[in-house]
Amino acid sequence: MDALIHFPLTWMVLLSLGFFFVVTFYFWIRFEDRDERKYRELGATALFHCVKCGELFQVRGQKETADCPACGKNNLRLRF
């Protein structure tokens, strides 16, 4: 049987594996970068706990005091 296009099995396997590895590494790098960006954004926020109403809230930036969005009381930053 003569095929229209003669393409050896070895080349087909090598191209398939190469394509698989390229796609895998592309998504690996992309998701690692996304996770790193989320972690940096989370680190740029400050966590607060309101002593009046018990609300937990976040504020962008490294602030030491912030007003509670629920009751308006000024609170100190939560430290761990």
N, C-alpha and C. Protein backbone atom coordinates (compact mmCIF):
# COMPACT_ATOMS: atom_id res chain seq x y z
N MET A 1 0.83 -1.17 0.00
CA MET A 1 0.00 0.00 0.00
C MET A 1 0.88 1.24 0.00
N ASP A 2 0.62 2.08 -0.92
CA ASP A 2 1.38 3.33 -0.98
C ASP A 2 0.56 4.43 -0.32
N ALA A 3 1.20 5.11 0.59
CA ALA A 3 0.54 6.24 1.26
C ALA A 3 0.78 7.50 0.45
N LEU A 4 -0.13 8.43 0.59
CA LEU A 4 0.05 9.70 -0.11
C LEU A 4 1.25 10.47 0.45
N ILE A 5 1.36 10.48 1.76
CA ILE A 5 2.49 11.17 2.41
C ILE A 5 3.22 10.13 3.24
N HIS A 6 4.48 9.97 2.96
CA HIS A 6 5.29 9.02 3.72
C HIS A 6 5.88 9.74 4.93
N PHE A 7 5.40 9.35 6.11
CA PHE A 7 5.85 9.99 7.35
C PHE A 7 6.18 8.88 8.34
N PRO A 8 7.46 8.70 8.66
CA PRO A 8 7.85 7.59 9.54
C PRO A 8 7.24 7.73 10.94
N LEU A 9 7.00 6.59 11.55
CA LEU A 9 6.41 6.56 12.89
C LEU A 9 7.31 7.23 13.92
N THR A 10 8.61 7.08 13.77
CA THR A 10 9.55 7.69 14.73
C THR A 10 9.40 9.20 14.74
N TRP A 11 9.31 9.80 13.58
CA TRP A 11 9.16 11.26 13.52
C TRP A 11 7.81 11.69 14.10
N MET A 12 6.79 10.91 13.86
CA MET A 12 5.48 11.25 14.39
C MET A 12 5.49 11.22 15.92
N VAL A 13 6.14 10.20 16.49
CA VAL A 13 6.23 10.10 17.95
C VAL A 13 7.06 11.25 18.51
N LEU A 14 8.19 11.56 17.88
CA LEU A 14 9.03 12.66 18.36
C LEU A 14 8.32 14.01 18.28
N LEU A 15 7.62 14.26 17.20
CA LEU A 15 6.88 15.51 17.08
C LEU A 15 5.75 15.59 18.10
N SER A 16 5.07 14.50 18.33
CA SER A 16 3.99 14.49 19.32
C SER A 16 4.53 14.75 20.72
N LEU A 17 5.63 14.09 21.08
CA LEU A 17 6.23 14.31 22.39
C LEU A 17 6.75 15.74 22.53
N GLY A 18 7.37 16.25 21.49
CA GLY A 18 7.86 17.62 21.52
C GLY A 18 6.73 18.61 21.72
N PHE A 19 5.64 18.42 20.99
CA PHE A 19 4.48 19.30 21.13
C PHE A 19 3.91 19.20 22.55
N PHE A 20 3.81 17.99 23.08
CA PHE A 20 3.30 17.80 24.43
C PHE A 20 4.15 18.53 25.46
N PHE A 21 5.48 18.43 25.36
CA PHE A 21 6.36 19.09 26.32
C PHE A 21 6.31 20.61 26.20
N VAL A 22 6.22 21.12 24.99
CA VAL A 22 6.14 22.57 24.81
C VAL A 22 4.85 23.11 25.43
N VAL A 23 3.73 22.46 25.18
CA VAL A 23 2.46 22.90 25.75
C VAL A 23 2.47 22.78 27.27
N THR A 24 3.01 21.68 27.78
CA THR A 24 3.07 21.49 29.23
C THR A 24 3.91 22.57 29.90
N PHE A 25 5.09 22.86 29.38
CA PHE A 25 5.94 23.89 29.98
C PHE A 25 5.34 25.28 29.83
N TYR A 26 4.65 25.53 28.74
CA TYR A 26 3.99 26.83 28.56
C TYR A 26 2.97 27.06 29.67
N PHE A 27 2.08 26.07 29.89
CA PHE A 27 1.07 26.24 30.93
C PHE A 27 1.68 26.24 32.32
N TRP A 28 2.73 25.48 32.55
CA TRP A 28 3.40 25.46 33.84
C TRP A 28 3.94 26.85 34.17
N ILE A 29 4.64 27.46 33.24
CA ILE A 29 5.21 28.78 33.47
C ILE A 29 4.10 29.82 33.63
N ARG A 30 3.06 29.70 32.83
CA ARG A 30 1.96 30.66 32.90
C ARG A 30 1.25 30.61 34.26
N PHE A 31 0.96 29.42 34.77
CA PHE A 31 0.27 29.30 36.05
C PHE A 31 1.18 29.66 37.22
N GLU A 32 2.46 29.37 37.13
CA GLU A 32 3.39 29.78 38.18
C GLU A 32 3.45 31.30 38.28
N ASP A 33 3.48 31.97 37.13
CA ASP A 33 3.51 33.43 37.11
C ASP A 33 2.22 34.00 37.69
N ARG A 34 1.09 33.38 37.37
CA ARG A 34 -0.19 33.84 37.90
C ARG A 34 -0.24 33.69 39.42
N ASP A 35 0.24 32.56 39.94
CA ASP A 35 0.26 32.34 41.38
C ASP A 35 1.19 33.32 42.08
N GLU A 36 2.34 33.60 41.49
CA GLU A 36 3.29 34.55 42.07
C GLU A 36 2.68 35.94 42.12
N ARG A 37 1.97 36.33 41.08
CA ARG A 37 1.33 37.65 41.04
C ARG A 37 0.25 37.75 42.11
N LYS A 38 -0.54 36.68 42.30
CA LYS A 38 -1.57 36.68 43.35
C LYS A 38 -0.93 36.80 44.73
N TYR A 39 0.18 36.10 44.94
CA TYR A 39 0.86 36.14 46.23
C TYR A 39 1.39 37.54 46.52
N ARG A 40 1.96 38.20 45.50
CA ARG A 40 2.47 39.56 45.68
C ARG A 40 1.34 40.54 45.98
N GLU A 41 0.20 40.39 45.30
CA GLU A 41 -0.95 41.26 45.56
C GLU A 41 -1.49 41.04 46.97
N LEU A 42 -1.50 39.81 47.43
CA LEU A 42 -1.98 39.51 48.78
C LEU A 42 -1.02 40.08 49.82
N GLY A 43 0.28 40.06 49.53
CA GLY A 43 1.26 40.61 50.46
C GLY A 43 1.22 42.12 50.55
N ALA A 44 0.59 42.77 49.58
CA ALA A 44 0.51 44.23 49.57
C ALA A 44 -0.72 44.74 50.32
N THR A 45 -1.44 43.85 50.98
CA THR A 45 -2.61 44.26 51.75
C THR A 45 -2.35 44.06 53.24
N ALA A 46 -3.04 44.84 54.05
CA ALA A 46 -2.93 44.72 55.50
C ALA A 46 -4.25 44.17 56.04
N LEU A 47 -4.18 43.29 57.01
CA LEU A 47 -5.36 42.66 57.59
C LEU A 47 -5.71 43.33 58.91
N PHE A 48 -6.99 43.61 59.11
CA PHE A 48 -7.46 44.26 60.32
C PHE A 48 -8.60 43.46 60.94
N HIS A 49 -8.76 43.61 62.27
CA HIS A 49 -9.86 42.98 63.01
C HIS A 49 -10.49 44.07 63.86
N CYS A 50 -11.76 44.31 63.65
CA CYS A 50 -12.47 45.35 64.40
C CYS A 50 -12.77 44.85 65.81
N VAL A 51 -12.39 45.66 66.81
CA VAL A 51 -12.63 45.27 68.20
C VAL A 51 -14.07 45.55 68.62
N LYS A 52 -14.78 46.36 67.85
CA LYS A 52 -16.16 46.71 68.20
C LYS A 52 -17.17 45.69 67.65
N CYS A 53 -17.07 45.39 66.34
CA CYS A 53 -18.07 44.50 65.73
C CYS A 53 -17.51 43.12 65.34
N GLY A 54 -16.18 42.93 65.43
CA GLY A 54 -15.58 41.63 65.12
C GLY A 54 -15.35 41.37 63.64
N GLU A 55 -15.52 42.38 62.81
CA GLU A 55 -15.34 42.24 61.36
C GLU A 55 -13.86 42.08 61.00
N LEU A 56 -13.56 41.15 60.09
CA LEU A 56 -12.22 41.02 59.51
C LEU A 56 -12.24 41.71 58.16
N PHE A 57 -11.27 42.59 57.90
CA PHE A 57 -11.23 43.28 56.62
C PHE A 57 -9.80 43.57 56.21
N GLN A 58 -9.62 43.78 54.90
CA GLN A 58 -8.30 44.06 54.33
C GLN A 58 -8.30 45.46 53.73
N VAL A 59 -7.11 46.07 53.76
CA VAL A 59 -6.91 47.39 53.16
C VAL A 59 -5.66 47.31 52.30
N ARG A 60 -5.72 47.90 51.11
CA ARG A 60 -4.53 47.93 50.25
C ARG A 60 -3.47 48.83 50.86
N GLY A 61 -2.22 48.39 50.71
CA GLY A 61 -1.10 49.17 51.24
C GLY A 61 -0.73 48.71 52.64
N GLN A 62 0.38 49.18 53.12
CA GLN A 62 0.87 48.80 54.44
C GLN A 62 0.51 49.88 55.46
N LYS A 63 -0.75 49.98 55.82
CA LYS A 63 -1.24 50.98 56.76
C LYS A 63 -1.25 50.39 58.16
N GLU A 64 -1.09 51.25 59.16
CA GLU A 64 -1.10 50.80 60.55
C GLU A 64 -2.50 50.90 61.17
N THR A 65 -3.32 51.83 60.68
CA THR A 65 -4.69 51.97 61.17
C THR A 65 -5.64 52.09 59.99
N ALA A 66 -6.88 51.64 60.20
CA ALA A 66 -7.91 51.75 59.16
C ALA A 66 -9.28 51.73 59.81
N ASP A 67 -10.24 52.36 59.14
CA ASP A 67 -11.61 52.38 59.63
C ASP A 67 -12.35 51.12 59.18
N CYS A 68 -13.14 50.57 60.08
CA CYS A 68 -13.93 49.37 59.77
C CYS A 68 -15.01 49.73 58.76
N PRO A 69 -15.19 48.93 57.70
CA PRO A 69 -16.23 49.24 56.72
C PRO A 69 -17.65 48.99 57.26
N ALA A 70 -17.78 48.18 58.31
CA ALA A 70 -19.11 47.87 58.84
C ALA A 70 -19.58 48.91 59.86
N CYS A 71 -18.71 49.28 60.82
CA CYS A 71 -19.16 50.18 61.89
C CYS A 71 -18.40 51.52 61.92
N GLY A 72 -17.28 51.63 61.21
CA GLY A 72 -16.55 52.89 61.14
C GLY A 72 -15.52 53.11 62.24
N LYS A 73 -15.33 52.16 63.14
CA LYS A 73 -14.34 52.32 64.22
C LYS A 73 -12.93 52.21 63.66
N ASN A 74 -12.04 53.06 64.16
CA ASN A 74 -10.64 53.04 63.75
C ASN A 74 -9.93 51.90 64.50
N ASN A 75 -9.25 51.01 63.76
CA ASN A 75 -8.61 49.83 64.35
C ASN A 75 -7.14 49.77 63.98
N LEU A 76 -6.38 49.10 64.84
CA LEU A 76 -4.97 48.86 64.57
C LEU A 76 -4.82 47.61 63.71
N ARG A 77 -3.70 47.54 63.04
CA ARG A 77 -3.39 46.41 62.15
C ARG A 77 -3.26 45.12 62.95
N LEU A 78 -3.71 44.02 62.38
CA LEU A 78 -3.61 42.70 63.01
C LEU A 78 -2.21 42.16 62.80
N ARG A 79 -1.55 41.76 63.86
CA ARG A 79 -0.17 41.25 63.78
C ARG A 79 -0.16 39.78 64.17
N PHE A 80 0.67 39.02 63.48
CA PHE A 80 0.79 37.59 63.77
C PHE A 80 2.17 37.30 64.30
